[in-house]
Amino acid sequence: MGANRVPSARESELLEAAYRYALTHGLADLSLRPLAAAIGSSPRVLLYLFGSKDGLVRALLARARADELDLLERLRRENAGAGLPQALEVIWTWLADPAHRELLALWLEGYAQAVANPAGPWAGFAEQTVTDWLAVLEQFQAPEERRSPHGAARRALALAVLRGALLDLLATGDLARTDAVVRQQIQLLQAT
């Protein structure tokens, strides 16, 4: 899918269906034949619309990123005026919600693949994600804090704690422990 062209209705429909499939089945072992059968298409049509399997993976990662950006923008709007500690609490509450596990597992898969295979269809996904989240966290800081090295370090620390707690939660399901870690970080942010 070219960056500047508008997708056809069928392409958009198949992308949404493929995205729902990827949320359940992941992307790393994606095979076009089972995917096509599950979404009412054919491998040939998917290759025509997305250019290649890598093109489809890139489109699915872009779709996942769009969900991520929508979430971040909504959280920013709904919590305008909140400080970084309050933002951390709101974001963690959303991340810890079991209803978001499939999306977050897909995000983790894309993130890990981007780190392990930076030249593949995953290229840039991890770095874009970090940039997106840091930009949102920055919006919860007062203007003078945003511009300071201390402010940059505080939002990087907040992101590192969120990401680490999320990775542990996805790996172990231990909400009590991961929640305690994030709550401790919120207290530390409030104290400084």
N, C-alpha and C. Protein backbone atom coordinates (compact mmCIF):
# COMPACT_ATOMS: atom_id res chain seq x y z
N MET A 1 0.85 -1.16 0.00
CA MET A 1 0.00 0.00 0.00
C MET A 1 0.89 1.22 0.00
N GLY A 2 0.81 2.04 -1.01
CA GLY A 2 1.62 3.25 -1.12
C GLY A 2 1.24 4.25 -0.04
N ALA A 3 2.23 5.01 0.40
CA ALA A 3 2.02 5.94 1.51
C ALA A 3 1.06 7.07 1.16
N ASN A 4 1.00 7.48 -0.11
CA ASN A 4 0.21 8.65 -0.47
C ASN A 4 -1.10 8.33 -1.17
N ARG A 5 -1.41 7.08 -1.38
CA ARG A 5 -2.65 6.78 -2.09
C ARG A 5 -3.74 6.36 -1.12
N VAL A 6 -4.95 6.59 -1.54
CA VAL A 6 -6.11 6.23 -0.73
C VAL A 6 -6.47 4.77 -1.06
N PRO A 7 -6.58 3.93 -0.02
CA PRO A 7 -6.91 2.53 -0.30
C PRO A 7 -8.36 2.39 -0.79
N SER A 8 -8.58 1.35 -1.60
CA SER A 8 -9.94 1.07 -2.07
C SER A 8 -10.77 0.56 -0.90
N ALA A 9 -12.08 0.55 -1.10
CA ALA A 9 -12.98 0.05 -0.05
C ALA A 9 -12.66 -1.41 0.27
N ARG A 10 -12.40 -2.21 -0.77
CA ARG A 10 -12.08 -3.63 -0.55
C ARG A 10 -10.76 -3.79 0.19
N GLU A 11 -9.78 -2.97 -0.15
CA GLU A 11 -8.49 -3.03 0.54
C GLU A 11 -8.66 -2.68 2.02
N SER A 12 -9.44 -1.65 2.29
CA SER A 12 -9.70 -1.25 3.69
C SER A 12 -10.45 -2.35 4.43
N GLU A 13 -11.42 -2.94 3.77
CA GLU A 13 -12.20 -4.02 4.39
C GLU A 13 -11.31 -5.21 4.71
N LEU A 14 -10.46 -5.60 3.77
CA LEU A 14 -9.56 -6.74 4.00
C LEU A 14 -8.50 -6.42 5.04
N LEU A 15 -8.03 -5.18 5.06
CA LEU A 15 -7.05 -4.80 6.07
C LEU A 15 -7.66 -4.90 7.46
N GLU A 16 -8.90 -4.43 7.63
CA GLU A 16 -9.57 -4.54 8.93
C GLU A 16 -9.76 -5.99 9.33
N ALA A 17 -10.17 -6.82 8.38
CA ALA A 17 -10.36 -8.24 8.68
C ALA A 17 -9.03 -8.90 9.02
N ALA A 18 -7.99 -8.56 8.28
CA ALA A 18 -6.66 -9.11 8.55
C ALA A 18 -6.14 -8.62 9.90
N TYR A 19 -6.46 -7.40 10.25
CA TYR A 19 -6.04 -6.86 11.55
C TYR A 19 -6.72 -7.62 12.69
N ARG A 20 -8.01 -7.88 12.57
CA ARG A 20 -8.71 -8.68 13.59
C ARG A 20 -8.08 -10.07 13.69
N TYR A 21 -7.72 -10.65 12.55
CA TYR A 21 -7.07 -11.95 12.52
C TYR A 21 -5.71 -11.87 13.23
N ALA A 22 -4.93 -10.83 12.93
CA ALA A 22 -3.60 -10.67 13.52
C ALA A 22 -3.68 -10.47 15.03
N LEU A 23 -4.72 -9.80 15.50
CA LEU A 23 -4.88 -9.61 16.94
C LEU A 23 -5.00 -10.95 17.66
N THR A 24 -5.60 -11.91 17.00
CA THR A 24 -5.78 -13.23 17.59
C THR A 24 -4.61 -14.16 17.32
N HIS A 25 -4.05 -14.10 16.11
CA HIS A 25 -3.04 -15.06 15.69
C HIS A 25 -1.61 -14.53 15.65
N GLY A 26 -1.43 -13.24 15.77
CA GLY A 26 -0.09 -12.66 15.69
C GLY A 26 0.37 -12.48 14.26
N LEU A 27 1.60 -11.97 14.13
CA LEU A 27 2.15 -11.67 12.80
C LEU A 27 3.39 -12.47 12.45
N ALA A 28 4.15 -12.91 13.44
CA ALA A 28 5.44 -13.53 13.17
C ALA A 28 5.34 -14.75 12.26
N ASP A 29 4.35 -15.57 12.46
CA ASP A 29 4.19 -16.77 11.65
C ASP A 29 3.04 -16.63 10.66
N LEU A 30 2.74 -15.41 10.28
CA LEU A 30 1.63 -15.15 9.37
C LEU A 30 1.83 -15.89 8.06
N SER A 31 0.82 -16.64 7.66
CA SER A 31 0.82 -17.34 6.39
C SER A 31 -0.38 -16.83 5.59
N LEU A 32 -0.14 -16.47 4.35
CA LEU A 32 -1.20 -15.85 3.55
C LEU A 32 -2.39 -16.77 3.30
N ARG A 33 -2.15 -18.04 3.08
CA ARG A 33 -3.25 -18.95 2.74
C ARG A 33 -4.27 -19.07 3.88
N PRO A 34 -3.85 -19.36 5.13
CA PRO A 34 -4.84 -19.42 6.21
C PRO A 34 -5.48 -18.06 6.49
N LEU A 35 -4.69 -17.00 6.40
CA LEU A 35 -5.24 -15.66 6.61
C LEU A 35 -6.31 -15.37 5.57
N ALA A 36 -5.99 -15.60 4.32
CA ALA A 36 -6.95 -15.32 3.24
C ALA A 36 -8.23 -16.13 3.43
N ALA A 37 -8.09 -17.40 3.77
CA ALA A 37 -9.28 -18.23 3.98
C ALA A 37 -10.12 -17.70 5.14
N ALA A 38 -9.46 -17.25 6.19
CA ALA A 38 -10.18 -16.76 7.38
C ALA A 38 -10.92 -15.46 7.13
N ILE A 39 -10.42 -14.65 6.20
CA ILE A 39 -11.03 -13.33 5.98
C ILE A 39 -11.82 -13.25 4.69
N GLY A 40 -12.01 -14.38 4.01
CA GLY A 40 -12.84 -14.39 2.81
C GLY A 40 -12.17 -13.80 1.60
N SER A 41 -10.91 -14.09 1.43
CA SER A 41 -10.17 -13.58 0.28
C SER A 41 -9.31 -14.70 -0.27
N SER A 42 -8.30 -14.32 -1.04
CA SER A 42 -7.34 -15.30 -1.56
C SER A 42 -5.94 -14.71 -1.41
N PRO A 43 -4.93 -15.57 -1.35
CA PRO A 43 -3.56 -15.06 -1.27
C PRO A 43 -3.23 -14.13 -2.45
N ARG A 44 -3.74 -14.47 -3.61
CA ARG A 44 -3.47 -13.67 -4.81
C ARG A 44 -4.02 -12.25 -4.65
N VAL A 45 -5.23 -12.11 -4.12
CA VAL A 45 -5.83 -10.78 -3.92
C VAL A 45 -5.01 -10.00 -2.89
N LEU A 46 -4.62 -10.66 -1.81
CA LEU A 46 -3.82 -9.97 -0.78
C LEU A 46 -2.49 -9.49 -1.36
N LEU A 47 -1.86 -10.33 -2.16
CA LEU A 47 -0.60 -9.92 -2.79
C LEU A 47 -0.81 -8.77 -3.77
N TYR A 48 -1.91 -8.80 -4.48
CA TYR A 48 -2.22 -7.71 -5.41
C TYR A 48 -2.42 -6.39 -4.65
N LEU A 49 -3.19 -6.45 -3.58
CA LEU A 49 -3.51 -5.24 -2.84
C LEU A 49 -2.35 -4.69 -2.02
N PHE A 50 -1.53 -5.58 -1.45
CA PHE A 50 -0.48 -5.14 -0.53
C PHE A 50 0.92 -5.32 -1.09
N GLY A 51 1.04 -5.87 -2.29
CA GLY A 51 2.33 -5.97 -2.96
C GLY A 51 3.14 -7.19 -2.59
N SER A 52 3.10 -7.58 -1.35
CA SER A 52 3.86 -8.73 -0.85
C SER A 52 3.37 -9.04 0.56
N LYS A 53 3.85 -10.14 1.09
CA LYS A 53 3.53 -10.45 2.49
C LYS A 53 4.12 -9.38 3.40
N ASP A 54 5.35 -8.94 3.11
CA ASP A 54 5.95 -7.87 3.90
C ASP A 54 5.12 -6.59 3.83
N GLY A 55 4.57 -6.30 2.65
CA GLY A 55 3.71 -5.12 2.51
C GLY A 55 2.47 -5.23 3.36
N LEU A 56 1.91 -6.42 3.44
CA LEU A 56 0.74 -6.65 4.30
C LEU A 56 1.12 -6.49 5.77
N VAL A 57 2.26 -7.04 6.17
CA VAL A 57 2.72 -6.89 7.56
C VAL A 57 2.92 -5.42 7.88
N ARG A 58 3.54 -4.67 6.96
CA ARG A 58 3.73 -3.23 7.18
C ARG A 58 2.37 -2.52 7.34
N ALA A 59 1.41 -2.89 6.51
CA ALA A 59 0.07 -2.29 6.60
C ALA A 59 -0.60 -2.64 7.93
N LEU A 60 -0.41 -3.86 8.40
CA LEU A 60 -1.00 -4.27 9.68
C LEU A 60 -0.32 -3.56 10.85
N LEU A 61 0.98 -3.37 10.77
CA LEU A 61 1.68 -2.62 11.82
C LEU A 61 1.25 -1.15 11.80
N ALA A 62 1.05 -0.59 10.62
CA ALA A 62 0.57 0.79 10.53
C ALA A 62 -0.83 0.88 11.13
N ARG A 63 -1.65 -0.12 10.89
CA ARG A 63 -3.00 -0.14 11.46
C ARG A 63 -2.94 -0.23 12.98
N ALA A 64 -2.05 -1.07 13.52
CA ALA A 64 -1.88 -1.18 14.97
C ALA A 64 -1.37 0.15 15.54
N ARG A 65 -0.45 0.79 14.83
CA ARG A 65 0.06 2.09 15.28
C ARG A 65 -1.04 3.14 15.27
N ALA A 66 -1.93 3.08 14.29
CA ALA A 66 -3.05 4.03 14.26
C ALA A 66 -3.92 3.86 15.50
N ASP A 67 -4.17 2.61 15.91
CA ASP A 67 -4.92 2.37 17.15
C ASP A 67 -4.18 2.94 18.35
N GLU A 68 -2.87 2.73 18.38
CA GLU A 68 -2.05 3.23 19.47
C GLU A 68 -2.12 4.76 19.53
N LEU A 69 -1.97 5.42 18.37
CA LEU A 69 -2.00 6.89 18.34
C LEU A 69 -3.37 7.43 18.72
N ASP A 70 -4.42 6.75 18.29
CA ASP A 70 -5.78 7.16 18.68
C ASP A 70 -5.95 7.07 20.20
N LEU A 71 -5.48 5.98 20.77
CA LEU A 71 -5.55 5.81 22.22
C LEU A 71 -4.80 6.93 22.93
N LEU A 72 -3.57 7.16 22.50
CA LEU A 72 -2.76 8.17 23.16
C LEU A 72 -3.38 9.56 23.06
N GLU A 73 -3.92 9.88 21.89
CA GLU A 73 -4.56 11.18 21.72
C GLU A 73 -5.80 11.30 22.60
N ARG A 74 -6.58 10.23 22.68
CA ARG A 74 -7.77 10.25 23.52
C ARG A 74 -7.40 10.43 25.00
N LEU A 75 -6.39 9.70 25.44
CA LEU A 75 -5.95 9.83 26.83
C LEU A 75 -5.45 11.24 27.11
N ARG A 76 -4.73 11.82 26.16
CA ARG A 76 -4.22 13.18 26.33
C ARG A 76 -5.37 14.19 26.43
N ARG A 77 -6.36 14.04 25.54
CA ARG A 77 -7.52 14.96 25.56
C ARG A 77 -8.33 14.82 26.84
N GLU A 78 -8.60 13.59 27.23
CA GLU A 78 -9.45 13.33 28.40
C GLU A 78 -8.78 13.72 29.71
N ASN A 79 -7.46 13.85 29.68
CA ASN A 79 -6.73 14.14 30.92
C ASN A 79 -5.89 15.41 30.80
N ALA A 80 -6.35 16.33 29.96
CA ALA A 80 -5.64 17.60 29.80
C ALA A 80 -5.51 18.27 31.16
N GLY A 81 -4.34 18.78 31.42
CA GLY A 81 -4.10 19.44 32.70
C GLY A 81 -3.54 18.52 33.77
N ALA A 82 -3.60 17.22 33.54
CA ALA A 82 -3.03 16.28 34.50
C ALA A 82 -1.51 16.35 34.40
N GLY A 83 -0.86 16.07 35.49
CA GLY A 83 0.60 16.01 35.47
C GLY A 83 1.08 14.63 35.07
N LEU A 84 2.40 14.49 35.01
CA LEU A 84 2.99 13.22 34.60
C LEU A 84 2.59 12.06 35.52
N PRO A 85 2.57 12.22 36.85
CA PRO A 85 2.14 11.10 37.69
C PRO A 85 0.70 10.65 37.40
N GLN A 86 -0.20 11.60 37.21
CA GLN A 86 -1.59 11.25 36.90
C GLN A 86 -1.69 10.58 35.53
N ALA A 87 -0.90 11.06 34.58
CA ALA A 87 -0.90 10.45 33.25
C ALA A 87 -0.43 9.01 33.32
N LEU A 88 0.61 8.79 34.11
CA LEU A 88 1.13 7.43 34.28
C LEU A 88 0.05 6.51 34.83
N GLU A 89 -0.70 7.00 35.79
CA GLU A 89 -1.78 6.20 36.39
C GLU A 89 -2.87 5.88 35.37
N VAL A 90 -3.29 6.88 34.60
CA VAL A 90 -4.35 6.68 33.61
C VAL A 90 -3.89 5.71 32.51
N ILE A 91 -2.68 5.91 32.04
CA ILE A 91 -2.16 5.04 30.97
C ILE A 91 -2.00 3.61 31.49
N TRP A 92 -1.46 3.46 32.70
CA TRP A 92 -1.30 2.11 33.24
C TRP A 92 -2.65 1.41 33.42
N THR A 93 -3.65 2.13 33.87
CA THR A 93 -4.98 1.54 34.03
C THR A 93 -5.46 0.99 32.69
N TRP A 94 -5.23 1.73 31.61
CA TRP A 94 -5.64 1.26 30.30
C TRP A 94 -4.81 0.04 29.89
N LEU A 95 -3.49 0.12 30.08
CA LEU A 95 -2.62 -1.00 29.68
C LEU A 95 -2.92 -2.27 30.46
N ALA A 96 -3.28 -2.14 31.73
CA ALA A 96 -3.51 -3.31 32.58
C ALA A 96 -4.89 -3.95 32.36
N ASP A 97 -5.76 -3.28 31.64
CA ASP A 97 -7.11 -3.80 31.40
C ASP A 97 -7.03 -5.05 30.52
N PRO A 98 -7.56 -6.18 31.00
CA PRO A 98 -7.51 -7.43 30.21
C PRO A 98 -8.16 -7.30 28.83
N ALA A 99 -9.06 -6.36 28.65
CA ALA A 99 -9.72 -6.19 27.35
C ALA A 99 -8.74 -5.77 26.26
N HIS A 100 -7.55 -5.30 26.64
CA HIS A 100 -6.59 -4.80 25.65
C HIS A 100 -5.43 -5.76 25.41
N ARG A 101 -5.49 -6.97 25.96
CA ARG A 101 -4.38 -7.92 25.87
C ARG A 101 -3.99 -8.26 24.42
N GLU A 102 -4.97 -8.50 23.57
CA GLU A 102 -4.63 -8.88 22.19
C GLU A 102 -3.89 -7.76 21.47
N LEU A 103 -4.37 -6.55 21.60
CA LEU A 103 -3.71 -5.41 20.96
C LEU A 103 -2.30 -5.24 21.52
N LEU A 104 -2.14 -5.36 22.82
CA LEU A 104 -0.84 -5.16 23.43
C LEU A 104 0.12 -6.30 23.09
N ALA A 105 -0.38 -7.51 22.98
CA ALA A 105 0.47 -8.63 22.55
C ALA A 105 0.94 -8.41 21.11
N LEU A 106 0.05 -7.90 20.26
CA LEU A 106 0.44 -7.60 18.87
C LEU A 106 1.48 -6.48 18.85
N TRP A 107 1.26 -5.45 19.68
CA TRP A 107 2.24 -4.37 19.79
C TRP A 107 3.60 -4.92 20.21
N LEU A 108 3.61 -5.78 21.24
CA LEU A 108 4.85 -6.36 21.74
C LEU A 108 5.55 -7.17 20.65
N GLU A 109 4.78 -7.93 19.91
CA GLU A 109 5.35 -8.73 18.83
C GLU A 109 6.01 -7.82 17.79
N GLY A 110 5.32 -6.76 17.39
CA GLY A 110 5.88 -5.82 16.43
C GLY A 110 7.12 -5.13 16.97
N TYR A 111 7.08 -4.76 18.24
CA TYR A 111 8.21 -4.09 18.89
C TYR A 111 9.43 -5.01 18.91
N ALA A 112 9.23 -6.25 19.36
CA ALA A 112 10.33 -7.22 19.45
C ALA A 112 10.89 -7.55 18.08
N GLN A 113 10.01 -7.73 17.09
CA GLN A 113 10.48 -8.03 15.74
C GLN A 113 11.27 -6.86 15.16
N ALA A 114 10.85 -5.63 15.46
CA ALA A 114 11.56 -4.45 14.96
C ALA A 114 12.96 -4.37 15.54
N VAL A 115 13.10 -4.78 16.80
CA VAL A 115 14.41 -4.77 17.43
C VAL A 115 15.28 -5.90 16.85
N ALA A 116 14.69 -7.09 16.69
CA ALA A 116 15.44 -8.25 16.21
C ALA A 116 15.71 -8.21 14.71
N ASN A 117 14.83 -7.59 13.95
CA ASN A 117 14.94 -7.60 12.49
C ASN A 117 14.70 -6.18 11.95
N PRO A 118 15.62 -5.27 12.23
CA PRO A 118 15.37 -3.86 11.90
C PRO A 118 15.23 -3.56 10.40
N ALA A 119 15.62 -4.48 9.54
CA ALA A 119 15.54 -4.21 8.11
C ALA A 119 14.28 -4.80 7.47
N GLY A 120 13.53 -5.58 8.21
CA GLY A 120 12.35 -6.25 7.64
C GLY A 120 11.14 -5.35 7.62
N PRO A 121 9.97 -5.94 7.47
CA PRO A 121 8.73 -5.15 7.41
C PRO A 121 8.45 -4.43 8.72
N TRP A 122 9.14 -4.83 9.76
CA TRP A 122 8.96 -4.24 11.08
C TRP A 122 9.78 -2.97 11.25
N ALA A 123 10.61 -2.65 10.27
CA ALA A 123 11.58 -1.55 10.36
C ALA A 123 10.93 -0.27 10.89
N GLY A 124 11.54 0.27 11.93
CA GLY A 124 11.10 1.55 12.47
C GLY A 124 9.95 1.48 13.46
N PHE A 125 9.27 0.33 13.57
CA PHE A 125 8.10 0.25 14.43
C PHE A 125 8.44 0.54 15.89
N ALA A 126 9.50 -0.06 16.41
CA ALA A 126 9.85 0.14 17.82
C ALA A 126 10.23 1.60 18.08
N GLU A 127 11.07 2.15 17.23
CA GLU A 127 11.50 3.54 17.42
C GLU A 127 10.31 4.50 17.31
N GLN A 128 9.41 4.26 16.36
CA GLN A 128 8.22 5.11 16.24
C GLN A 128 7.37 5.03 17.50
N THR A 129 7.24 3.83 18.05
CA THR A 129 6.45 3.65 19.26
C THR A 129 7.03 4.44 20.42
N VAL A 130 8.33 4.35 20.60
CA VAL A 130 8.98 5.10 21.69
C VAL A 130 8.75 6.60 21.48
N THR A 131 8.97 7.08 20.27
CA THR A 131 8.78 8.49 19.97
C THR A 131 7.34 8.93 20.24
N ASP A 132 6.37 8.10 19.81
CA ASP A 132 4.95 8.42 20.03
C ASP A 132 4.64 8.55 21.51
N TRP A 133 5.08 7.58 22.30
CA TRP A 133 4.76 7.59 23.73
C TRP A 133 5.46 8.73 24.46
N LEU A 134 6.71 9.00 24.12
CA LEU A 134 7.42 10.12 24.76
C LEU A 134 6.74 11.44 24.44
N ALA A 135 6.26 11.60 23.21
CA ALA A 135 5.57 12.84 22.83
C ALA A 135 4.30 13.03 23.64
N VAL A 136 3.57 11.95 23.88
CA VAL A 136 2.35 12.06 24.67
C VAL A 136 2.68 12.37 26.12
N LEU A 137 3.65 11.68 26.69
CA LEU A 137 4.03 11.94 28.08
C LEU A 137 4.52 13.38 28.25
N GLU A 138 5.19 13.89 27.25
CA GLU A 138 5.67 15.28 27.29
C GLU A 138 4.51 16.27 27.44
N GLN A 139 3.39 15.95 26.82
CA GLN A 139 2.24 16.84 26.88
C GLN A 139 1.65 16.95 28.28
N PHE A 140 1.99 16.02 29.16
CA PHE A 140 1.50 16.05 30.53
C PHE A 140 2.45 16.80 31.47
N GLN A 141 3.51 17.35 30.91
CA GLN A 141 4.46 18.10 31.71
C GLN A 141 4.25 19.60 31.50
N ALA A 142 4.56 20.37 32.53
CA ALA A 142 4.51 21.83 32.41
C ALA A 142 5.56 22.26 31.38
N PRO A 143 5.29 23.34 30.66
CA PRO A 143 6.22 23.77 29.59
C PRO A 143 7.69 23.86 30.02
N GLU A 144 7.96 24.39 31.20
CA GLU A 144 9.36 24.51 31.64
C GLU A 144 9.99 23.14 31.90
N GLU A 145 9.18 22.20 32.38
CA GLU A 145 9.71 20.85 32.62
C GLU A 145 9.96 20.14 31.29
N ARG A 146 9.08 20.33 30.33
CA ARG A 146 9.23 19.69 29.01
C ARG A 146 10.59 19.98 28.40
N ARG A 147 11.03 21.22 28.55
CA ARG A 147 12.25 21.67 27.87
C ARG A 147 13.52 21.32 28.63
N SER A 148 13.40 20.85 29.84
CA SER A 148 14.59 20.60 30.65
C SER A 148 15.08 19.16 30.50
N PRO A 149 16.39 18.96 30.69
CA PRO A 149 16.92 17.58 30.69
C PRO A 149 16.27 16.72 31.78
N HIS A 150 15.98 17.34 32.92
CA HIS A 150 15.31 16.61 34.01
C HIS A 150 13.92 16.14 33.56
N GLY A 151 13.19 17.00 32.87
CA GLY A 151 11.86 16.63 32.37
C GLY A 151 11.94 15.50 31.35
N ALA A 152 12.94 15.57 30.47
CA ALA A 152 13.12 14.49 29.47
C ALA A 152 13.42 13.17 30.17
N ALA A 153 14.25 13.23 31.22
CA ALA A 153 14.59 12.01 31.96
C ALA A 153 13.36 11.47 32.70
N ARG A 154 12.54 12.35 33.27
CA ARG A 154 11.34 11.90 33.99
C ARG A 154 10.36 11.19 33.05
N ARG A 155 10.15 11.72 31.85
CA ARG A 155 9.21 11.05 30.95
C ARG A 155 9.82 9.76 30.39
N ALA A 156 11.13 9.74 30.17
CA ALA A 156 11.78 8.49 29.73
C ALA A 156 11.67 7.42 30.81
N LEU A 157 11.85 7.81 32.06
CA LEU A 157 11.71 6.87 33.17
C LEU A 157 10.27 6.37 33.27
N ALA A 158 9.31 7.27 33.13
CA ALA A 158 7.90 6.86 33.17
C ALA A 158 7.60 5.85 32.07
N LEU A 159 8.12 6.12 30.87
CA LEU A 159 7.90 5.18 29.76
C LEU A 159 8.58 3.84 30.03
N ALA A 160 9.80 3.88 30.54
CA ALA A 160 10.51 2.63 30.82
C ALA A 160 9.76 1.79 31.85
N VAL A 161 9.21 2.43 32.87
CA VAL A 161 8.45 1.70 33.88
C VAL A 161 7.18 1.13 33.28
N LEU A 162 6.46 1.93 32.50
CA LEU A 162 5.25 1.44 31.84
C LEU A 162 5.56 0.24 30.94
N ARG A 163 6.58 0.38 30.11
CA ARG A 163 6.92 -0.68 29.16
C ARG A 163 7.37 -1.93 29.90
N GLY A 164 8.23 -1.77 30.92
CA GLY A 164 8.69 -2.93 31.68
C GLY A 164 7.56 -3.64 32.41
N ALA A 165 6.69 -2.85 33.03
CA ALA A 165 5.56 -3.46 33.75
C ALA A 165 4.63 -4.16 32.77
N LEU A 166 4.42 -3.55 31.61
CA LEU A 166 3.57 -4.18 30.60
C LEU A 166 4.17 -5.49 30.10
N LEU A 167 5.47 -5.49 29.83
CA LEU A 167 6.12 -6.73 29.38
C LEU A 167 5.96 -7.83 30.43
N ASP A 168 6.19 -7.48 31.69
CA ASP A 168 6.04 -8.47 32.76
C ASP A 168 4.59 -8.93 32.89
N LEU A 169 3.65 -8.01 32.79
CA LEU A 169 2.24 -8.38 32.89
C LEU A 169 1.85 -9.33 31.77
N LEU A 170 2.27 -9.03 30.55
CA LEU A 170 1.95 -9.91 29.41
C LEU A 170 2.62 -11.27 29.57
N ALA A 171 3.82 -11.29 30.13
CA ALA A 171 4.55 -12.56 30.29
C ALA A 171 4.02 -13.41 31.42
N THR A 172 3.60 -12.77 32.53
CA THR A 172 3.27 -13.54 33.73
C THR A 172 1.81 -13.46 34.14
N GLY A 173 1.12 -12.41 33.71
CA GLY A 173 -0.24 -12.20 34.16
C GLY A 173 -0.33 -11.70 35.60
N ASP A 174 0.81 -11.37 36.20
CA ASP A 174 0.86 -10.96 37.60
C ASP A 174 0.52 -9.47 37.73
N LEU A 175 -0.76 -9.17 37.80
CA LEU A 175 -1.21 -7.79 37.89
C LEU A 175 -0.83 -7.16 39.23
N ALA A 176 -0.92 -7.91 40.31
CA ALA A 176 -0.62 -7.34 41.63
C ALA A 176 0.81 -6.81 41.68
N ARG A 177 1.76 -7.60 41.21
CA ARG A 177 3.17 -7.19 41.26
C ARG A 177 3.44 -6.02 40.32
N THR A 178 2.96 -6.12 39.09
CA THR A 178 3.24 -5.05 38.12
C THR A 178 2.53 -3.77 38.50
N ASP A 179 1.33 -3.88 39.04
CA ASP A 179 0.61 -2.70 39.50
C ASP A 179 1.36 -2.03 40.64
N ALA A 180 1.90 -2.81 41.55
CA ALA A 180 2.67 -2.26 42.68
C ALA A 180 3.89 -1.49 42.18
N VAL A 181 4.54 -1.99 41.14
CA VAL A 181 5.71 -1.31 40.57
C VAL A 181 5.31 0.05 40.01
N VAL A 182 4.24 0.07 39.23
CA VAL A 182 3.80 1.33 38.63
C VAL A 182 3.35 2.30 39.71
N ARG A 183 2.62 1.83 40.70
CA ARG A 183 2.16 2.70 41.80
C ARG A 183 3.35 3.30 42.55
N GLN A 184 4.40 2.49 42.75
CA GLN A 184 5.61 3.00 43.39
C GLN A 184 6.24 4.11 42.56
N GLN A 185 6.28 3.93 41.24
CA GLN A 185 6.86 4.96 40.37
C GLN A 185 6.01 6.23 40.39
N ILE A 186 4.70 6.08 40.44
CA ILE A 186 3.83 7.26 40.53
C ILE A 186 4.14 8.04 41.80
N GLN A 187 4.31 7.34 42.91
CA GLN A 187 4.65 8.02 44.17
C GLN A 187 5.99 8.74 44.07
N LEU A 188 6.97 8.11 43.43
CA LEU A 188 8.28 8.74 43.27
C LEU A 188 8.18 9.99 42.38
N LEU A 189 7.39 9.91 41.33
CA LEU A 189 7.20 11.07 40.45
C LEU A 189 6.50 12.21 41.19
N GLN A 190 5.55 11.88 42.04
CA GLN A 190 4.84 12.91 42.80
C GLN A 190 5.75 13.59 43.82
N ALA A 191 6.73 12.85 44.31
CA ALA A 191 7.63 13.38 45.34
C ALA A 191 8.72 14.28 44.77
N THR A 192 8.92 14.23 43.46
CA THR A 192 10.01 15.04 42.88
C THR A 192 9.48 16.16 42.01
